[in-house]
Amino acid sequence: MAKNNSSYSEKEIATNLLVTLKHLKSEMNTFTQEASNEDLYNTLNSIYEEYSCLQRTVYEMMSAQGWYKMTPDTEKNITKAYKKFSNMESELS
């Protein structure tokens, strides 16, 4: 059952907005790359850039509020990821 709009917290609204902007940006990226002519591409690319700016603004606001925390990873996990992608890269060669 959906919540009444008045019961959503600011954090929930911001999270929903950030997720929505991420999805819109992803879809707009595909749409932009498949534009049939230069004028359409330029228009779509401008919208894509606006979504990017809005997404960043919402992220920065959430981060400033302490709602979007980044935690550092361990050196072990970073090394493991590096090796994984290095192996994948060498397989493509």
N, C-alpha and C. Protein backbone atom coordinates (compact mmCIF):
# COMPACT_ATOMS: atom_id res chain seq x y z
N MET A 1 0.84 -1.18 0.00
CA MET A 1 0.00 0.00 0.00
C MET A 1 0.88 1.24 0.00
N ALA A 2 0.59 2.19 -0.87
CA ALA A 2 1.39 3.40 -0.98
C ALA A 2 1.13 4.33 0.20
N LYS A 3 2.17 5.04 0.57
CA LYS A 3 2.06 6.01 1.65
C LYS A 3 1.31 7.25 1.16
N ASN A 4 0.68 7.93 2.09
CA ASN A 4 0.10 9.23 1.81
C ASN A 4 1.28 10.19 1.61
N ASN A 5 1.21 11.06 0.61
CA ASN A 5 2.32 11.97 0.30
C ASN A 5 2.82 12.74 1.51
N SER A 6 1.93 13.07 2.44
CA SER A 6 2.33 13.87 3.59
C SER A 6 3.20 13.07 4.57
N SER A 7 3.26 11.74 4.40
CA SER A 7 4.05 10.95 5.34
C SER A 7 5.44 10.60 4.81
N TYR A 8 5.79 11.05 3.61
CA TYR A 8 7.13 10.81 3.10
C TYR A 8 8.11 11.78 3.76
N SER A 9 9.25 11.26 4.17
CA SER A 9 10.28 12.13 4.74
C SER A 9 11.03 12.83 3.61
N GLU A 10 11.74 13.87 3.96
CA GLU A 10 12.56 14.57 2.96
C GLU A 10 13.60 13.63 2.37
N LYS A 11 14.16 12.77 3.19
CA LYS A 11 15.16 11.81 2.72
C LYS A 11 14.54 10.84 1.70
N GLU A 12 13.34 10.36 1.96
CA GLU A 12 12.68 9.44 1.02
C GLU A 12 12.37 10.14 -0.30
N ILE A 13 11.94 11.38 -0.23
CA ILE A 13 11.65 12.14 -1.45
C ILE A 13 12.93 12.35 -2.25
N ALA A 14 14.00 12.75 -1.57
CA ALA A 14 15.28 12.98 -2.24
C ALA A 14 15.82 11.69 -2.85
N THR A 15 15.70 10.58 -2.14
CA THR A 15 16.17 9.29 -2.65
C THR A 15 15.39 8.91 -3.89
N ASN A 16 14.08 9.08 -3.85
CA ASN A 16 13.24 8.78 -5.00
C ASN A 16 13.61 9.66 -6.19
N LEU A 17 13.85 10.93 -5.93
CA LEU A 17 14.25 11.86 -6.99
C LEU A 17 15.58 11.44 -7.59
N LEU A 18 16.54 11.07 -6.76
CA LEU A 18 17.86 10.67 -7.26
C LEU A 18 17.76 9.41 -8.12
N VAL A 19 17.01 8.43 -7.67
CA VAL A 19 16.83 7.20 -8.43
C VAL A 19 16.14 7.49 -9.76
N THR A 20 15.12 8.34 -9.73
CA THR A 20 14.40 8.70 -10.95
C THR A 20 15.32 9.40 -11.94
N LEU A 21 16.13 10.34 -11.45
CA LEU A 21 17.06 11.04 -12.33
C LEU A 21 18.09 10.09 -12.93
N LYS A 22 18.54 9.11 -12.15
CA LYS A 22 19.49 8.12 -12.68
C LYS A 22 18.87 7.34 -13.83
N HIS A 23 17.62 6.93 -13.66
CA HIS A 23 16.94 6.18 -14.72
C HIS A 23 16.70 7.06 -15.95
N LEU A 24 16.25 8.29 -15.73
CA LEU A 24 16.02 9.19 -16.85
C LEU A 24 17.32 9.45 -17.62
N LYS A 25 18.40 9.64 -16.88
CA LYS A 25 19.70 9.90 -17.51
C LYS A 25 20.14 8.69 -18.34
N SER A 26 19.94 7.51 -17.82
CA SER A 26 20.31 6.30 -18.55
C SER A 26 19.51 6.17 -19.85
N GLU A 27 18.20 6.36 -19.75
CA GLU A 27 17.35 6.27 -20.94
C GLU A 27 17.69 7.38 -21.94
N MET A 28 17.94 8.58 -21.44
CA MET A 28 18.27 9.69 -22.33
C MET A 28 19.61 9.46 -23.03
N ASN A 29 20.55 8.80 -22.36
CA ASN A 29 21.82 8.47 -22.98
C ASN A 29 21.60 7.59 -24.21
N THR A 30 20.79 6.56 -24.06
CA THR A 30 20.49 5.68 -25.20
C THR A 30 19.79 6.45 -26.30
N PHE A 31 18.80 7.22 -25.94
CA PHE A 31 18.03 8.00 -26.91
C PHE A 31 18.95 8.97 -27.65
N THR A 32 19.85 9.63 -26.92
CA THR A 32 20.77 10.57 -27.54
C THR A 32 21.67 9.89 -28.56
N GLN A 33 22.22 8.74 -28.18
CA GLN A 33 23.15 8.05 -29.08
C GLN A 33 22.47 7.52 -30.34
N GLU A 34 21.16 7.33 -30.27
CA GLU A 34 20.43 6.80 -31.43
C GLU A 34 19.67 7.88 -32.19
N ALA A 35 19.98 9.14 -31.93
CA ALA A 35 19.31 10.24 -32.62
C ALA A 35 19.56 10.15 -34.12
N SER A 36 18.52 10.43 -34.88
CA SER A 36 18.59 10.24 -36.33
C SER A 36 19.23 11.40 -37.09
N ASN A 37 19.38 12.56 -36.44
CA ASN A 37 20.04 13.68 -37.12
C ASN A 37 20.72 14.57 -36.09
N GLU A 38 21.54 15.47 -36.58
CA GLU A 38 22.36 16.31 -35.70
C GLU A 38 21.53 17.24 -34.82
N ASP A 39 20.47 17.84 -35.36
CA ASP A 39 19.64 18.74 -34.56
C ASP A 39 18.97 18.00 -33.40
N LEU A 40 18.44 16.82 -33.69
CA LEU A 40 17.81 16.02 -32.65
C LEU A 40 18.86 15.60 -31.61
N TYR A 41 20.03 15.19 -32.08
CA TYR A 41 21.11 14.81 -31.17
C TYR A 41 21.45 15.97 -30.23
N ASN A 42 21.61 17.16 -30.78
CA ASN A 42 21.99 18.32 -29.96
C ASN A 42 20.92 18.65 -28.92
N THR A 43 19.66 18.56 -29.30
CA THR A 43 18.56 18.81 -28.36
C THR A 43 18.56 17.78 -27.25
N LEU A 44 18.65 16.51 -27.63
CA LEU A 44 18.64 15.44 -26.64
C LEU A 44 19.87 15.49 -25.74
N ASN A 45 21.01 15.82 -26.32
CA ASN A 45 22.23 15.90 -25.53
C ASN A 45 22.13 17.03 -24.50
N SER A 46 21.49 18.12 -24.86
CA SER A 46 21.28 19.22 -23.92
C SER A 46 20.40 18.77 -22.74
N ILE A 47 19.37 18.00 -23.03
CA ILE A 47 18.50 17.46 -21.98
C ILE A 47 19.29 16.49 -21.11
N TYR A 48 20.11 15.64 -21.73
CA TYR A 48 20.95 14.70 -20.99
C TYR A 48 21.86 15.44 -20.01
N GLU A 49 22.49 16.49 -20.49
CA GLU A 49 23.38 17.28 -19.63
C GLU A 49 22.63 17.92 -18.47
N GLU A 50 21.39 18.37 -18.72
CA GLU A 50 20.57 18.94 -17.65
C GLU A 50 20.24 17.89 -16.60
N TYR A 51 19.89 16.67 -17.03
CA TYR A 51 19.65 15.58 -16.08
C TYR A 51 20.90 15.30 -15.26
N SER A 52 22.06 15.33 -15.92
CA SER A 52 23.32 15.10 -15.21
C SER A 52 23.55 16.14 -14.12
N CYS A 53 23.30 17.39 -14.44
CA CYS A 53 23.48 18.48 -13.47
C CYS A 53 22.49 18.33 -12.32
N LEU A 54 21.24 18.01 -12.64
CA LEU A 54 20.23 17.83 -11.59
C LEU A 54 20.57 16.66 -10.68
N GLN A 55 21.03 15.57 -11.30
CA GLN A 55 21.41 14.39 -10.52
C GLN A 55 22.54 14.74 -9.56
N ARG A 56 23.52 15.45 -10.04
CA ARG A 56 24.66 15.84 -9.20
C ARG A 56 24.22 16.76 -8.06
N THR A 57 23.33 17.70 -8.37
CA THR A 57 22.82 18.62 -7.36
C THR A 57 22.09 17.87 -6.25
N VAL A 58 21.24 16.92 -6.62
CA VAL A 58 20.51 16.13 -5.62
C VAL A 58 21.49 15.29 -4.81
N TYR A 59 22.46 14.66 -5.48
CA TYR A 59 23.47 13.87 -4.76
C TYR A 59 24.22 14.74 -3.75
N GLU A 60 24.67 15.91 -4.17
CA GLU A 60 25.43 16.79 -3.28
C GLU A 60 24.58 17.24 -2.09
N MET A 61 23.29 17.52 -2.32
CA MET A 61 22.40 17.91 -1.24
C MET A 61 22.23 16.76 -0.26
N MET A 62 22.03 15.55 -0.79
CA MET A 62 21.86 14.37 0.07
C MET A 62 23.14 14.10 0.87
N SER A 63 24.27 14.25 0.22
CA SER A 63 25.55 14.04 0.88
C SER A 63 25.75 15.05 2.01
N ALA A 64 25.40 16.31 1.74
CA ALA A 64 25.54 17.37 2.75
C ALA A 64 24.63 17.10 3.96
N GLN A 65 23.48 16.48 3.72
CA GLN A 65 22.54 16.15 4.80
C GLN A 65 22.96 14.89 5.55
N GLY A 66 23.96 14.17 5.01
CA GLY A 66 24.38 12.92 5.63
C GLY A 66 23.51 11.74 5.22
N TRP A 67 22.73 11.90 4.14
CA TRP A 67 21.81 10.86 3.69
C TRP A 67 22.44 9.92 2.67
N TYR A 68 23.54 10.32 2.10
CA TYR A 68 24.20 9.52 1.07
C TYR A 68 25.66 9.43 1.45
N LYS A 69 25.98 8.39 2.19
CA LYS A 69 27.33 8.27 2.72
C LYS A 69 28.15 7.29 1.88
N MET A 70 29.33 7.72 1.56
CA MET A 70 30.28 6.86 0.86
C MET A 70 31.25 6.32 1.91
N THR A 71 31.48 5.03 1.85
CA THR A 71 32.42 4.43 2.79
C THR A 71 33.62 3.92 2.02
N PRO A 72 34.81 4.14 2.54
CA PRO A 72 36.00 3.65 1.84
C PRO A 72 36.04 2.13 1.85
N ASP A 73 36.54 1.58 0.77
CA ASP A 73 36.67 0.13 0.68
C ASP A 73 38.04 -0.29 1.18
N THR A 74 38.18 -1.58 1.42
CA THR A 74 39.46 -2.09 1.91
C THR A 74 40.43 -2.23 0.75
N GLU A 75 41.70 -2.20 1.07
CA GLU A 75 42.73 -2.38 0.05
C GLU A 75 42.60 -3.75 -0.61
N LYS A 76 42.21 -4.76 0.17
CA LYS A 76 42.04 -6.12 -0.34
C LYS A 76 40.95 -6.15 -1.42
N ASN A 77 39.80 -5.50 -1.17
CA ASN A 77 38.72 -5.49 -2.15
C ASN A 77 39.09 -4.70 -3.40
N ILE A 78 39.83 -3.62 -3.23
CA ILE A 78 40.27 -2.82 -4.37
C ILE A 78 41.22 -3.64 -5.24
N THR A 79 42.17 -4.33 -4.61
CA THR A 79 43.12 -5.17 -5.35
C THR A 79 42.39 -6.29 -6.08
N LYS A 80 41.41 -6.90 -5.42
CA LYS A 80 40.63 -7.98 -6.03
C LYS A 80 39.89 -7.47 -7.27
N ALA A 81 39.25 -6.31 -7.17
CA ALA A 81 38.53 -5.73 -8.31
C ALA A 81 39.49 -5.37 -9.44
N TYR A 82 40.65 -4.83 -9.08
CA TYR A 82 41.64 -4.47 -10.09
C TYR A 82 42.09 -5.72 -10.86
N LYS A 83 42.38 -6.79 -10.15
CA LYS A 83 42.81 -8.04 -10.79
C LYS A 83 41.71 -8.60 -11.68
N LYS A 84 40.47 -8.56 -11.21
CA LYS A 84 39.34 -9.08 -11.98
C LYS A 84 39.23 -8.34 -13.32
N PHE A 85 39.25 -7.01 -13.28
CA PHE A 85 39.09 -6.24 -14.50
C PHE A 85 40.34 -6.27 -15.37
N SER A 86 41.50 -6.42 -14.78
CA SER A 86 42.72 -6.59 -15.57
C SER A 86 42.67 -7.90 -16.34
N ASN A 87 42.19 -8.96 -15.69
CA ASN A 87 42.04 -10.26 -16.36
C ASN A 87 41.03 -10.16 -17.49
N MET A 88 39.93 -9.47 -17.26
CA MET A 88 38.91 -9.30 -18.31
C MET A 88 39.48 -8.52 -19.49
N GLU A 89 40.28 -7.51 -19.19
CA GLU A 89 40.87 -6.69 -20.24
C GLU A 89 41.84 -7.53 -21.08
N SER A 90 42.64 -8.37 -20.44
CA SER A 90 43.60 -9.19 -21.18
C SER A 90 42.90 -10.25 -22.02
N GLU A 91 41.73 -10.72 -21.58
CA GLU A 91 40.96 -11.67 -22.37
C GLU A 91 40.40 -11.05 -23.64
N LEU A 92 40.17 -9.73 -23.61
CA LEU A 92 39.65 -9.04 -24.78
C LEU A 92 40.73 -8.78 -25.82
N SER A 93 41.98 -8.84 -25.42
CA SER A 93 43.10 -8.54 -26.35
C SER A 93 43.36 -9.68 -27.29
